[in-house]
Each structure stands twice: as C-alpha cells, then as structure tokens.
Amino acid sequence: MTKTTTCVYHFLVLNWYIFLNCYIPHIGRDEEKLKEFHDGGRSKYLTLLNLLLQAIFFGVACLDDVLKRIIGRKNIKFITSFRDLLFTTLAFPMSAFVFLVFWSLFYYDRSLVYPKGLDDYFPAWVNHAMHTSILPFSLVETILRPHHYPSKKLGLALLSICNIAYIIRILWRYSQTGNWVYPVFASLNSLGIIIFFSVSFILTFGTYLLGEKINHWKWGATVKPWMKKK
C-alpha cells in the first residue's frame, strides 16, 4: 500500500467514527424505553467507549500522516510512538474483544446483551457499525503499516489497568442504581460474575497477543529491530 492510500484510509475511517460518535448517542433520546440507554452516557457502555477510542486512534493516525509530510518522520517520533502504543494496547484489543464477546452472546441469547426490542430504534446497519465493522477496520490497519509493540509486561499492564477501570465503573454504577449495564450480569450470581470478568481478562490478553502475532507475521522483518529491545 502507498503512503497516500494509507492517509486516505485513515481520513475516511476517522470521519466514519466521528459520524458514529455523534449520531448513535442521540438515537431515541426522547423515547421513554431508551432512557436507560442514555442514563449515565457513554462511559457505561464498552461499545460506545470503543467507538470513541477508535475515533481518537484514527485521529492520531491522521495527525501522524500529515505531520510526516510537513516536518518529516524524525521530528514526530513522539506522535508515532503514541499512535503505536494506542493501537497495540487498546484500539486493536478492544475492537476484537467487543466483536467476539458481543456476537458470541448475541447468537447464544441476544437478550443477554442486545434485547430484540432495540431493533425498533437501532437499524441493523447501526448494530453492525458498532459491533462488526470495528474489527475489519483494525485488521486493515494492521496490514497497512507496521506497529511497534511495547514489551509484553508494559502492554498487558496498560490493558489490565483499563480493564480494571471499566469493571470498577460497572460495579460502581450497580451499587448506585441497582441496575446492571448489560442484562447478562443480572442472569449471573456473584461467582458467575467473577468468572465472567476473569474470562474477559483472559480474552483481552488473547486479543492483544493476536494483534502482536498478526503484526509480526505481516511485518516481521520491519519490526524485528524493535522487538529485540523487549
């Protein structure tokens, strides 16, 4: 892929995520049945947090593209390093995690994560925009350019901090309102919730390692000098 193709891709995907981040939070805002969706805003739904994360990443990627053309690669090492850290530790693992968990629960019992009544408010294309397209976009990004992965210790530590922060957010909200963010938690006892969170931890670690493997498979010769520093 040429640098121009990569720049265009980043620009188009950034605008797509900006549109979704502006459009989705306003769906059914005045509908009584969707008050729970809007109560607490973006921070309680991992899907919406992920959309915001993807928009931030592709925004940084676009900034990196532009600055490289204006002032050169050597003068923006910080931006490039931040771009890679954001993608490797959060953007790719979270897009893969949301995709895998949502569709696994959806096809097992959609009432656990996306009750059928939501179809009246969220068209199918919105559902796929939130939960399907996120992974292909991240995979294309992996193939378009190499990314410098941090040490596994640092990468998994940052991912763990974000996981713990979101779990705390879920539990805090339940303690304040008595309502779970996702119906799946209401169907589990305390032990089941602990197991669910533990499996989620393992899965996010797996998606991190998957991204690293794909990156090394596609760009092994390119990233090898960096990988020796781990």
Protein backbone atom coordinates (compact mmCIF):
# COMPACT_ATOMS: atom_id res chain seq x y z
CA MET A 1 0.00 0.00 0.00
CA THR A 2 1.25 3.53 -0.79
CA LYS A 3 1.50 6.25 1.83
CA THR A 4 -1.26 8.14 0.05
CA THR A 5 -3.59 5.13 0.28
CA THR A 6 -2.87 4.83 3.99
CA CYS A 7 -3.56 8.54 4.54
CA VAL A 8 -6.86 8.34 2.65
CA TYR A 9 -7.87 5.23 4.60
CA HIS A 10 -7.17 6.91 7.94
CA PHE A 11 -9.09 10.03 6.90
CA LEU A 12 -12.15 8.11 5.72
CA VAL A 13 -12.30 5.83 8.78
CA LEU A 14 -11.80 8.80 11.12
CA ASN A 15 -14.80 10.57 9.57
CA TRP A 16 -16.86 7.38 9.83
CA TYR A 17 -16.12 7.12 13.56
CA ILE A 18 -16.78 10.83 14.10
CA PHE A 19 -20.17 10.37 12.46
CA LEU A 20 -21.00 7.33 14.62
CA ASN A 21 -19.88 9.08 17.82
CA CYS A 22 -22.18 12.00 17.02
CA TYR A 23 -25.13 10.02 15.66
CA ILE A 24 -25.54 6.99 17.93
CA PRO A 25 -25.77 8.78 21.33
CA HIS A 26 -28.79 10.72 20.02
CA ILE A 27 -30.82 7.72 18.89
CA GLY A 28 -34.12 7.62 20.75
CA ARG A 29 -33.08 10.30 23.25
CA ASP A 30 -36.68 11.33 23.81
CA GLU A 31 -38.07 7.79 23.91
CA GLU A 32 -39.19 6.51 27.31
CA LYS A 33 -37.97 2.96 26.59
CA LEU A 34 -34.44 4.17 25.87
CA LYS A 35 -33.92 6.25 29.00
CA GLU A 36 -31.70 3.51 30.41
CA PHE A 37 -29.51 3.72 27.31
CA HIS A 38 -28.92 7.43 27.82
CA ASP A 39 -28.71 7.37 31.62
CA GLY A 40 -25.03 7.55 32.51
CA GLY A 41 -23.94 8.36 28.99
CA ARG A 42 -21.05 7.00 27.04
CA SER A 43 -18.90 5.81 29.95
CA LYS A 44 -21.10 2.87 30.94
CA TYR A 45 -21.17 1.08 27.57
CA LEU A 46 -17.97 -0.54 26.33
CA THR A 47 -19.30 -0.37 22.77
CA LEU A 48 -19.56 3.43 22.87
CA LEU A 49 -16.25 3.78 24.69
CA ASN A 50 -14.66 1.69 21.96
CA LEU A 51 -16.14 3.91 19.23
CA LEU A 52 -14.63 6.93 20.97
CA LEU A 53 -11.31 5.12 21.33
CA GLN A 54 -11.26 4.24 17.63
CA ALA A 55 -12.00 7.85 16.69
CA ILE A 56 -9.12 9.05 18.88
CA PHE A 57 -6.74 6.49 17.40
CA PHE A 58 -7.58 7.29 13.78
CA GLY A 59 -7.38 10.98 14.62
CA VAL A 60 -3.84 10.47 15.93
CA ALA A 61 -3.03 8.35 12.86
CA CYS A 62 -4.22 11.16 10.56
CA LEU A 63 -2.17 13.68 12.54
CA ASP A 64 0.87 11.42 12.19
CA ASP A 65 0.32 11.16 8.43
CA VAL A 66 0.04 14.93 7.99
CA LEU A 67 2.99 15.84 10.20
CA LYS A 68 5.25 13.33 8.47
CA ARG A 69 4.57 15.07 5.17
CA ILE A 70 5.08 18.54 6.64
CA ILE A 71 8.01 18.27 9.04
CA GLY A 72 9.41 14.77 8.46
CA ARG A 73 9.44 11.42 10.22
CA LYS A 74 12.30 12.12 12.65
CA ASN A 75 10.65 15.18 14.17
CA ILE A 76 7.42 13.48 15.22
CA LYS A 77 8.70 10.35 16.92
CA PHE A 78 6.53 11.08 19.97
CA ILE A 79 3.33 11.17 17.88
CA THR A 80 4.29 7.96 16.06
CA SER A 81 5.13 6.20 19.34
CA PHE A 82 1.85 7.31 20.90
CA ARG A 83 -0.05 6.13 17.80
CA ASP A 84 1.53 2.69 18.03
CA LEU A 85 1.02 2.43 21.80
CA LEU A 86 -2.64 3.40 21.47
CA PHE A 87 -3.28 0.90 18.68
CA THR A 88 -1.37 -2.06 20.12
CA THR A 89 -2.52 -1.86 23.73
CA LEU A 90 -6.10 -0.59 23.32
CA ALA A 91 -7.53 0.03 19.84
CA PHE A 92 -6.90 -3.42 18.38
CA PRO A 93 -7.56 -5.50 21.56
CA MET A 94 -10.78 -3.62 22.34
CA SER A 95 -12.20 -3.83 18.82
CA ALA A 96 -11.51 -7.57 18.73
CA PHE A 97 -12.91 -8.07 22.25
CA VAL A 98 -16.14 -6.17 21.57
CA PHE A 99 -16.63 -8.05 18.30
CA LEU A 100 -16.04 -11.50 19.82
CA VAL A 101 -17.99 -11.05 23.07
CA PHE A 102 -20.97 -9.24 21.56
CA TRP A 103 -21.59 -11.69 18.73
CA SER A 104 -20.93 -14.72 20.93
CA LEU A 105 -23.57 -13.58 23.43
CA PHE A 106 -25.88 -12.35 20.67
CA TYR A 107 -26.06 -15.73 18.95
CA TYR A 108 -26.23 -17.62 22.25
CA ASP A 109 -29.04 -15.48 23.69
CA ARG A 110 -29.38 -11.95 22.39
CA SER A 111 -31.47 -10.89 25.39
CA LEU A 112 -28.26 -11.06 27.46
CA VAL A 113 -26.65 -8.21 25.55
CA TYR A 114 -28.94 -6.72 22.89
CA PRO A 115 -32.68 -7.30 23.54
CA LYS A 116 -34.84 -7.64 20.44
CA GLY A 117 -36.77 -4.50 21.35
CA LEU A 118 -33.72 -2.42 20.46
CA ASP A 119 -34.25 -3.32 16.80
CA ASP A 120 -37.10 -0.79 16.76
CA TYR A 121 -34.63 2.01 17.49
CA PHE A 122 -31.27 0.79 16.18
CA PRO A 123 -31.29 -0.22 12.50
CA ALA A 124 -29.25 -3.28 11.54
CA TRP A 125 -26.57 -1.09 9.95
CA VAL A 126 -26.05 0.73 13.26
CA ASN A 127 -25.67 -2.57 15.09
CA HIS A 128 -23.05 -3.72 12.60
CA ALA A 129 -21.33 -0.33 12.68
CA MET A 130 -20.96 -0.63 16.45
CA HIS A 131 -20.10 -4.31 16.72
CA THR A 132 -18.95 -5.71 13.36
CA SER A 133 -17.03 -3.20 11.25
CA ILE A 134 -14.73 -2.30 14.16
CA LEU A 135 -12.65 -5.46 13.77
CA PRO A 136 -12.13 -5.34 9.97
CA PHE A 137 -11.03 -1.71 10.28
CA SER A 138 -8.44 -2.70 12.89
CA LEU A 139 -7.26 -5.66 10.81
CA VAL A 140 -6.81 -3.42 7.75
CA GLU A 141 -4.78 -1.03 9.91
CA THR A 142 -2.56 -3.92 10.98
CA ILE A 143 -1.96 -4.87 7.34
CA LEU A 144 -1.46 -1.31 6.07
CA ARG A 145 1.53 -0.46 8.26
CA PRO A 146 3.80 -1.96 10.92
CA HIS A 147 3.30 -1.02 14.57
CA HIS A 148 5.92 -1.02 17.29
CA TYR A 149 4.66 -3.16 20.17
CA PRO A 150 5.86 -2.33 23.69
CA SER A 151 7.18 -5.05 25.96
CA LYS A 152 4.52 -7.58 26.88
CA LYS A 153 4.82 -6.52 30.52
CA LEU A 154 4.02 -2.89 29.70
CA GLY A 155 1.41 -3.66 27.06
CA LEU A 156 -0.56 -6.09 29.22
CA ALA A 157 -0.21 -3.82 32.25
CA LEU A 158 -1.81 -0.89 30.41
CA LEU A 159 -4.56 -3.16 29.10
CA SER A 160 -5.16 -4.51 32.61
CA ILE A 161 -5.48 -1.00 34.06
CA CYS A 162 -8.16 -0.15 31.51
CA ASN A 163 -9.97 -3.45 32.17
CA ILE A 164 -9.98 -2.86 35.92
CA ALA A 165 -11.14 0.74 35.49
CA TYR A 166 -14.13 -0.37 33.41
CA ILE A 167 -15.04 -3.17 35.82
CA ILE A 168 -14.96 -0.66 38.68
CA ARG A 169 -17.23 1.60 36.63
CA ILE A 170 -19.72 -1.25 36.11
CA LEU A 171 -19.73 -2.23 39.79
CA TRP A 172 -19.95 1.36 40.99
CA ARG A 173 -22.94 2.03 38.78
CA TYR A 174 -24.66 -1.13 40.03
CA SER A 175 -24.05 -0.08 43.64
CA GLN A 176 -25.60 3.33 42.91
CA THR A 177 -28.60 2.32 40.80
CA GLY A 178 -29.17 -1.39 41.41
CA ASN A 179 -29.15 -1.93 37.64
CA TRP A 180 -26.52 -3.73 35.61
CA VAL A 181 -25.19 -2.11 32.45
CA TYR A 182 -25.73 -5.34 30.50
CA PRO A 183 -28.54 -7.88 31.12
CA VAL A 184 -26.02 -10.75 31.15
CA PHE A 185 -24.84 -9.73 34.62
CA ALA A 186 -28.37 -9.86 36.01
CA SER A 187 -28.56 -13.53 34.99
CA LEU A 188 -25.39 -14.47 36.91
CA ASN A 189 -24.72 -14.99 40.61
CA SER A 190 -21.67 -13.50 42.32
CA LEU A 191 -19.42 -16.41 41.37
CA GLY A 192 -20.65 -16.26 37.77
CA ILE A 193 -19.85 -12.55 37.56
CA ILE A 194 -16.34 -13.17 38.89
CA ILE A 195 -15.82 -15.92 36.31
CA PHE A 196 -17.19 -13.69 33.54
CA PHE A 197 -14.78 -10.89 34.43
CA SER A 198 -11.89 -13.36 34.70
CA VAL A 199 -12.62 -14.87 31.29
CA SER A 200 -12.92 -11.36 29.86
CA PHE A 201 -9.46 -10.55 31.20
CA ILE A 202 -8.02 -13.65 29.55
CA LEU A 203 -9.79 -12.87 26.28
CA THR A 204 -8.48 -9.29 26.14
CA PHE A 205 -4.97 -10.62 26.75
CA GLY A 206 -5.56 -13.08 23.92
CA THR A 207 -6.65 -10.33 21.53
CA TYR A 208 -3.53 -8.34 22.44
CA LEU A 209 -1.29 -11.30 21.65
CA LEU A 210 -3.26 -11.97 18.46
CA GLY A 211 -2.61 -8.45 17.26
CA GLU A 212 1.07 -8.82 18.02
CA LYS A 213 1.23 -12.10 16.10
CA ILE A 214 -0.52 -10.62 13.06
CA ASN A 215 1.77 -7.59 13.15
CA HIS A 216 4.87 -9.79 13.30
CA TRP A 217 3.53 -12.14 10.62
CA LYS A 218 2.95 -9.24 8.20
CA TRP A 219 5.86 -7.00 9.19
CA GLY A 220 8.34 -9.34 10.87
CA ALA A 221 11.40 -8.09 9.04
CA THR A 222 10.36 -4.48 9.57
CA VAL A 223 9.66 -4.64 13.30
CA LYS A 224 12.41 -7.09 14.21
CA PRO A 225 14.89 -4.41 15.34
CA TRP A 226 12.27 -3.00 17.72
CA MET A 227 11.29 -6.43 19.01
CA LYS A 228 14.86 -7.16 20.06
CA LYS A 229 14.53 -4.35 22.61
CA LYS A 230 11.82 -6.21 24.55
